[in-house]
């Protein structure tokens, strides 16, 4: 019996040792794995990295927005998100949201090869070409009413993609330069969008006002005067997103603005005129007094004989004048 117990104890100990070694070989915490398991993990990792690279090559930006400015009476082309060669196109849809108008939708479905337009009454907005080849949208010509938001939605086998445009229409201002009667020079940039900027050469005492009009257009007017110096030529420069313009005006006598108010100027002119009248009266009085002192008759011998020194007599010309006046 004792020998049998010893044999049973030995079997139990050997079994426990074998189980312990087996657990050690398969325990992940010890970093010991069967060789076949390592090969399988390496192959799976390689396949996974290849799939990731393939998927990254097909990734497109899900949604993007762009601010776009276009001058009035030009052509605008709005593009959709690009489509990769391996992606299969399903549908394309343009959503057009304009001010004070219902939303317009233009769509293309590839499987049926058909296009649709919903609430689209503006014929100047259309597909740039065949939507299955180029789904871009064109606006020709651009009008001031085309301010708004345009969004293209592309559905492919790889997902949904969007690109939006905030379109702003630019209107060049009409520029004029003229002079007022009070010697003020005025530069006007009428009905521009956005408002224009006005500058002067040479600089002066200027006042600028803005007058908002309809459809976000603005008229800008700048009035200038120049003090304490003479100006013979004035230039007005107008800066705008559609382009810059410069106008000049030549002044024949220049612009002279004195350093005192107009009322004082009138007083000075009145004093000068009064002095001129006084001088004229004095000169006339002296002239007529001398005529009065002369004799109304003269003889011819007096014309031929020089006057003796100290003799008070009229000149021959004066005597002749008086003689004919008497007759």
Protein backbone atom coordinates (compact mmCIF):
# COMPACT_ATOMS: atom_id res chain seq x y z
CA UNK A 1 0.00 0.00 0.00
CA UNK A 2 2.80 2.42 0.81
CA UNK A 3 4.47 1.68 -2.53
CA UNK A 4 1.21 2.32 -4.36
CA UNK A 5 0.78 5.68 -2.64
CA UNK A 6 4.29 6.70 -3.62
CA UNK A 7 3.62 5.89 -7.32
CA UNK A 8 0.38 7.88 -7.28
CA UNK A 9 2.15 10.89 -5.75
CA UNK A 10 4.88 10.77 -8.44
CA UNK A 11 2.27 10.70 -11.25
CA UNK A 12 0.47 13.70 -9.80
CA UNK A 13 3.71 15.72 -9.53
CA UNK A 14 4.77 14.88 -13.10
CA UNK A 15 1.33 15.85 -14.47
CA UNK A 16 1.43 19.21 -12.71
CA UNK A 17 4.91 19.94 -14.10
CA UNK A 18 3.81 19.14 -17.66
CA UNK A 19 0.73 21.38 -17.35
CA UNK A 20 2.87 24.21 -15.97
CA UNK A 21 5.28 24.05 -18.93
CA UNK A 22 2.40 24.02 -21.38
CA UNK A 23 0.86 27.14 -19.80
CA UNK A 24 4.22 28.89 -19.92
CA UNK A 25 4.55 28.28 -23.67
CA UNK A 26 1.12 29.70 -24.54
CA UNK A 27 1.00 32.61 -22.07
CA UNK A 28 1.04 35.97 -24.02
CA UNK A 29 2.49 37.88 -21.08
CA UNK A 30 5.82 36.08 -21.37
CA UNK A 31 6.10 37.00 -25.05
CA UNK A 32 6.46 33.33 -26.04
CA UNK A 33 4.27 32.36 -28.98
CA UNK A 34 4.35 29.45 -31.33
CA UNK A 35 6.28 30.13 -34.54
CA UNK A 36 3.20 29.60 -36.71
CA UNK A 37 1.32 32.28 -34.73
CA UNK A 38 4.06 34.85 -35.41
CA UNK A 39 3.96 34.19 -39.15
CA UNK A 40 0.19 34.59 -39.24
CA UNK A 41 0.35 37.91 -37.35
CA UNK A 42 3.04 39.25 -39.70
CA UNK A 43 0.99 38.38 -42.78
CA UNK A 44 -2.13 39.94 -41.29
CA UNK A 45 -0.22 43.13 -40.44
CA UNK A 46 1.14 43.39 -44.00
CA UNK A 47 -2.30 42.94 -45.53
CA UNK A 48 -3.75 45.52 -43.15
CA UNK A 49 -1.13 48.14 -44.07
CA UNK A 50 -1.74 47.54 -47.78
CA UNK A 51 -5.47 48.00 -47.31
CA UNK A 52 -4.86 51.21 -45.33
CA UNK A 53 -2.70 52.65 -48.13
CA UNK A 54 -5.34 51.76 -50.72
CA UNK A 55 -8.08 53.36 -48.66
CA UNK A 56 -6.01 56.50 -48.06
CA UNK A 57 -5.50 56.86 -51.80
CA UNK A 58 -9.28 57.07 -52.25
CA UNK A 59 -9.96 59.54 -49.39
CA UNK A 60 -11.36 62.93 -50.52
CA UNK A 61 -12.24 65.94 -48.40
CA UNK A 62 -15.75 65.34 -47.14
CA UNK A 63 -16.79 69.02 -47.29
CA UNK A 64 -15.07 72.30 -48.20
CA UNK A 65 -16.19 75.89 -48.71
CA UNK A 66 -14.63 78.62 -50.84
CA UNK A 67 -15.22 82.38 -51.00
CA UNK A 68 -15.32 83.55 -54.62
CA UNK A 69 -15.60 87.06 -56.12
CA UNK A 70 -16.54 87.73 -59.74
CA UNK A 71 -17.09 91.05 -61.58
CA UNK A 72 -20.49 91.66 -63.09
CA UNK A 73 -20.94 90.76 -66.79
CA UNK A 74 -18.21 88.10 -66.70
CA UNK A 75 -18.37 84.27 -66.70
CA UNK A 76 -18.02 82.15 -63.56
CA UNK A 77 -17.36 78.39 -63.47
CA UNK A 78 -17.92 76.48 -60.20
CA UNK A 79 -16.33 73.03 -59.92
CA UNK A 80 -17.42 69.95 -57.97
CA UNK A 81 -15.11 67.81 -55.80
CA UNK A 82 -12.77 65.67 -57.95
CA UNK A 83 -13.72 62.03 -58.59
CA UNK A 84 -10.98 59.38 -58.56
CA UNK A 85 -10.63 56.93 -61.42
CA UNK A 86 -11.57 53.90 -59.32
CA UNK A 87 -14.63 55.56 -57.78
CA UNK A 88 -17.97 54.91 -59.44
CA UNK A 89 -20.17 57.99 -59.88
CA UNK A 90 -23.75 57.64 -58.69
CA UNK A 91 -25.34 61.13 -58.60
CA UNK A 92 -24.39 64.81 -58.75
CA UNK A 93 -26.55 67.55 -57.26
CA UNK A 94 -26.12 71.33 -57.28
CA UNK A 95 -28.03 73.35 -54.68
CA UNK A 96 -28.30 77.09 -55.44
CA UNK A 97 -29.45 79.49 -52.72
CA UNK A 98 -29.89 83.10 -53.87
CA UNK A 99 -31.16 86.12 -51.99
CA UNK A 100 -34.94 86.50 -51.85
CA UNK A 101 -35.46 83.50 -54.15
CA UNK A 102 -36.46 79.86 -53.58
CA UNK A 103 -33.71 77.27 -53.57
CA UNK A 104 -32.84 75.86 -57.01
CA UNK A 105 -31.60 72.29 -57.54
CA UNK A 106 -29.89 70.82 -60.60
CA UNK A 107 -29.19 67.07 -60.44
CA UNK A 108 -27.72 64.31 -62.60
CA UNK A 109 -28.24 60.55 -62.14
CA UNK A 110 -25.71 58.32 -63.86
CA UNK A 111 -27.58 55.01 -63.98
CA UNK A 112 -30.50 56.64 -65.80
CA UNK A 113 -28.30 59.23 -67.59
CA UNK A 114 -30.82 61.98 -66.85
CA UNK A 115 -30.72 65.55 -65.50
CA UNK A 116 -33.36 67.36 -63.49
CA UNK A 117 -33.99 71.00 -62.53
CA UNK A 118 -36.24 72.02 -59.62
CA UNK A 119 -37.28 75.68 -59.09
CA UNK A 120 -34.63 76.87 -61.55
CA UNK A 121 -35.87 79.79 -63.66
CA UNK A 122 -32.55 81.57 -64.33
CA UNK A 123 -31.29 80.39 -67.72
CA UNK A 124 -27.89 81.99 -67.21
CA UNK A 125 -27.09 79.28 -64.61
CA UNK A 126 -26.54 75.90 -66.28
CA UNK A 127 -24.20 72.92 -66.62
CA UNK A 128 -20.82 73.92 -68.02
CA UNK A 129 -20.84 70.81 -70.26
CA UNK A 130 -22.15 67.23 -70.06
CA UNK A 131 -22.47 66.44 -66.33
CA UNK A 132 -21.20 62.87 -66.80
CA UNK A 133 -17.92 64.32 -68.12
CA UNK A 134 -17.66 67.60 -66.22
CA UNK A 135 -20.24 68.35 -63.50
CA UNK A 136 -19.16 72.01 -63.16
CA UNK A 137 -21.77 74.77 -63.05
CA UNK A 138 -21.46 77.93 -65.14
CA UNK A 139 -22.96 81.42 -64.71
CA UNK A 140 -22.81 83.42 -67.93
CA UNK A 141 -23.03 86.35 -67.62
CA UNK A 142 -22.72 87.07 -63.90
CA UNK A 143 -25.39 89.49 -62.65
CA UNK A 144 -25.69 91.34 -59.37
CA UNK A 145 -28.62 89.06 -58.45
CA UNK A 146 -26.30 86.01 -58.45
CA UNK A 147 -24.94 86.77 -54.98
CA UNK A 148 -25.49 83.61 -52.94
CA UNK A 149 -24.35 80.13 -51.91
CA UNK A 150 -23.73 77.28 -54.37
CA UNK A 151 -23.05 73.71 -53.17
CA UNK A 152 -22.14 70.63 -55.19
CA UNK A 153 -22.84 67.17 -53.74
CA UNK A 154 -21.11 64.18 -55.35
CA UNK A 155 -22.19 60.63 -54.47
CA UNK A 156 -19.76 57.86 -55.47
CA UNK A 157 -19.04 54.30 -54.47
CA UNK A 158 -16.62 55.74 -51.89
CA UNK A 159 -19.07 58.09 -50.17
CA UNK A 160 -20.67 61.55 -50.23
CA UNK A 161 -18.54 64.64 -50.91
CA UNK A 162 -19.43 68.35 -50.91
CA UNK A 163 -17.94 71.65 -52.08
CA UNK A 164 -19.62 75.00 -51.48
CA UNK A 165 -19.03 78.49 -52.89
CA UNK A 166 -19.94 81.82 -51.30
CA UNK A 167 -20.21 83.93 -54.46
CA UNK A 168 -19.89 87.72 -54.24
CA UNK A 169 -20.60 89.78 -57.36
CA UNK A 170 -18.44 92.90 -57.83
CA UNK A 171 -19.75 96.05 -59.54
CA UNK A 172 -17.23 98.69 -60.76
CA UNK A 173 -18.20 102.27 -59.81
CA UNK A 174 -18.77 105.07 -62.31
CA UNK A 175 -16.12 107.71 -61.56
CA UNK A 176 -16.58 111.45 -62.25
CA UNK A 177 -14.54 114.54 -61.29
CA UNK A 178 -15.88 118.11 -61.46
CA UNK A 179 -15.60 121.58 -59.91
CA UNK A 180 -18.34 123.52 -58.12
CA UNK A 181 -18.88 127.28 -58.25
CA UNK A 182 -17.49 127.70 -54.74
CA UNK A 183 -14.12 126.34 -55.95
CA UNK A 184 -14.73 122.92 -54.36
CA UNK A 185 -13.51 119.89 -56.32
CA UNK A 186 -15.76 116.81 -56.16
CA UNK A 187 -14.80 113.20 -56.97
CA UNK A 188 -17.68 110.71 -57.14
CA UNK A 189 -17.61 106.89 -57.40
CA UNK A 190 -21.24 105.96 -58.08
CA UNK A 191 -23.01 102.61 -57.55
CA UNK A 192 -19.97 100.46 -56.75
CA UNK A 193 -19.99 97.11 -54.95
CA UNK A 194 -18.32 97.10 -52.51
CA UNK A 195 -17.72 100.77 -51.67
CA UNK A 196 -14.73 102.38 -53.39
CA UNK A 197 -11.85 104.21 -51.68
CA UNK A 198 -11.01 107.78 -52.81
CA UNK A 199 -7.69 109.60 -52.38
CA UNK A 200 -6.41 112.99 -53.62
CA UNK A 201 -3.19 114.41 -55.05
CA UNK A 202 -2.31 116.88 -53.62
CA UNK A 203 -4.06 116.34 -50.32
CA UNK A 204 -6.45 118.99 -49.09
CA UNK A 205 -9.29 119.66 -46.70
CA UNK A 206 -11.60 116.82 -47.77
CA UNK A 207 -14.97 115.48 -46.66
CA UNK A 208 -16.17 112.03 -47.78
CA UNK A 209 -19.70 110.63 -47.53
CA UNK A 210 -21.21 107.26 -48.50
CA UNK A 211 -24.75 106.74 -49.80
CA UNK A 212 -26.02 103.12 -49.69
CA UNK A 213 -28.12 102.08 -52.68
CA UNK A 214 -30.02 98.91 -53.59
CA UNK A 215 -28.36 95.48 -54.04
CA UNK A 216 -25.50 96.42 -51.68
CA UNK A 217 -24.14 99.08 -54.05
CA UNK A 218 -22.71 102.28 -52.57
CA UNK A 219 -22.01 105.77 -53.95
CA UNK A 220 -18.94 107.46 -52.44
CA UNK A 221 -18.43 111.22 -52.85
CA UNK A 222 -15.39 113.18 -51.69
CA UNK A 223 -15.30 117.00 -51.74
CA UNK A 224 -12.02 118.90 -51.27
CA UNK A 225 -10.76 122.45 -50.84
CA UNK A 226 -7.17 123.69 -50.68
CA UNK A 227 -6.19 126.52 -48.31
CA UNK A 228 -3.22 128.92 -48.22
CA UNK A 229 -1.69 127.82 -51.52
CA UNK A 230 -2.36 127.76 -55.22
CA UNK A 231 -3.45 124.53 -56.93
CA UNK A 232 -3.29 124.27 -60.72
CA UNK A 233 -3.97 120.53 -61.14
CA UNK A 234 -5.91 118.05 -58.99
CA UNK A 235 -5.95 114.24 -59.30
CA UNK A 236 -8.56 111.89 -57.84
CA UNK A 237 -7.62 108.21 -57.40
CA UNK A 238 -10.36 105.60 -56.94
CA UNK A 239 -9.40 102.15 -55.59
CA UNK A 240 -11.78 99.22 -56.11
CA UNK A 241 -11.62 95.41 -56.27
CA UNK A 242 -12.53 95.56 -59.96
CA UNK A 243 -9.61 97.90 -60.73
CA UNK A 244 -8.20 101.34 -59.96
CA UNK A 245 -8.89 104.60 -61.82
CA UNK A 246 -7.40 108.08 -61.72
CA UNK A 247 -8.89 111.32 -63.07
CA UNK A 248 -7.33 114.80 -63.20
CA UNK A 249 -8.69 118.29 -63.73
CA UNK A 250 -6.69 121.32 -64.87
CA UNK A 251 -7.58 124.70 -63.41
CA UNK A 252 -6.70 127.64 -65.70
CA UNK A 253 -6.26 130.20 -62.90
CA UNK A 254 -5.80 127.76 -60.10
CA UNK A 255 -7.81 127.58 -56.94
CA UNK A 256 -7.06 130.42 -54.53
CA UNK A 257 -8.63 130.35 -51.11
CA UNK A 258 -7.68 133.29 -48.88
CA UNK A 259 -7.19 132.99 -45.17
CA UNK A 260 -10.21 135.13 -44.26
CA UNK A 261 -13.96 134.61 -44.71
CA UNK A 262 -15.88 135.80 -47.81
CA UNK A 263 -17.54 138.68 -45.93
CA UNK A 264 -14.15 140.21 -45.16
CA UNK A 265 -13.15 139.79 -48.80
CA UNK A 266 -16.21 141.80 -49.91
CA UNK A 267 -15.30 144.58 -47.47
CA UNK A 268 -11.77 144.76 -48.87
CA UNK A 269 -13.09 144.97 -52.43
CA UNK A 270 -15.54 147.72 -51.44
CA UNK A 271 -12.78 149.79 -49.80
CA UNK A 272 -10.56 149.45 -52.87
CA UNK A 273 -13.38 150.53 -55.18
CA UNK A 274 -14.19 153.51 -52.94
CA UNK A 275 -10.56 154.66 -52.97
CA UNK A 276 -10.52 154.39 -56.76
CA UNK A 277 -13.62 156.62 -57.01
CA UNK A 278 -12.11 159.21 -54.64
CA UNK A 279 -8.89 159.37 -56.66
CA UNK A 280 -10.88 159.69 -59.88
CA UNK A 281 -12.93 162.60 -58.45
CA UNK A 282 -9.80 164.43 -57.27
CA UNK A 283 -8.06 164.08 -60.62
CA UNK A 284 -11.18 165.28 -62.45
CA UNK A 285 -11.56 168.26 -60.14
CA UNK A 286 -7.95 169.34 -60.70
CA UNK A 287 -8.32 169.00 -64.46
CA UNK A 288 -11.51 171.01 -64.71
CA UNK A 289 -10.16 173.68 -62.33
CA UNK A 290 -7.20 174.25 -64.61
CA UNK A 291 -9.50 174.55 -67.61
CA UNK A 292 -11.56 177.14 -65.78
CA UNK A 293 -8.51 179.34 -65.12
CA UNK A 294 -7.61 179.49 -68.82
CA UNK A 295 -8.95 182.23 -71.17
CA UNK A 296 -11.61 181.08 -73.61
CA UNK A 297 -9.80 182.82 -76.51
CA UNK A 298 -6.24 182.79 -77.69
CA UNK A 299 -4.34 184.27 -80.58
CA UNK A 300 -2.26 182.48 -83.09
CA UNK A 301 0.82 184.50 -82.13
CA UNK A 302 0.64 182.90 -78.65
CA UNK A 303 0.91 179.50 -80.25
CA UNK A 304 4.07 180.51 -82.11
CA UNK A 305 5.70 182.51 -79.29
CA UNK A 306 7.06 180.63 -76.29
CA UNK A 307 5.67 181.65 -73.00
CA UNK A 308 7.69 184.09 -71.03
CA UNK A 309 8.94 182.91 -67.66
CA UNK A 310 6.50 183.39 -64.86
CA UNK A 311 3.56 183.98 -67.20
CA UNK A 312 0.44 182.10 -66.16
CA UNK A 313 -1.07 180.91 -69.42
CA UNK A 314 -2.73 177.78 -70.70
CA UNK A 315 -0.94 175.45 -73.05
CA UNK A 316 -1.65 175.81 -76.78
CA UNK A 317 -3.45 172.53 -76.81
CA UNK A 318 -5.68 173.59 -73.98
CA UNK A 319 -6.42 177.00 -75.63
CA UNK A 320 -7.24 175.29 -78.88
CA UNK A 321 -9.56 172.89 -77.08
CA UNK A 322 -11.28 175.72 -75.24
CA UNK A 323 -11.59 177.78 -78.46
CA UNK A 324 -13.37 175.03 -80.33
CA UNK A 325 -15.51 174.35 -77.30
CA UNK A 326 -16.63 177.96 -77.21
CA UNK A 327 -17.80 177.80 -80.81
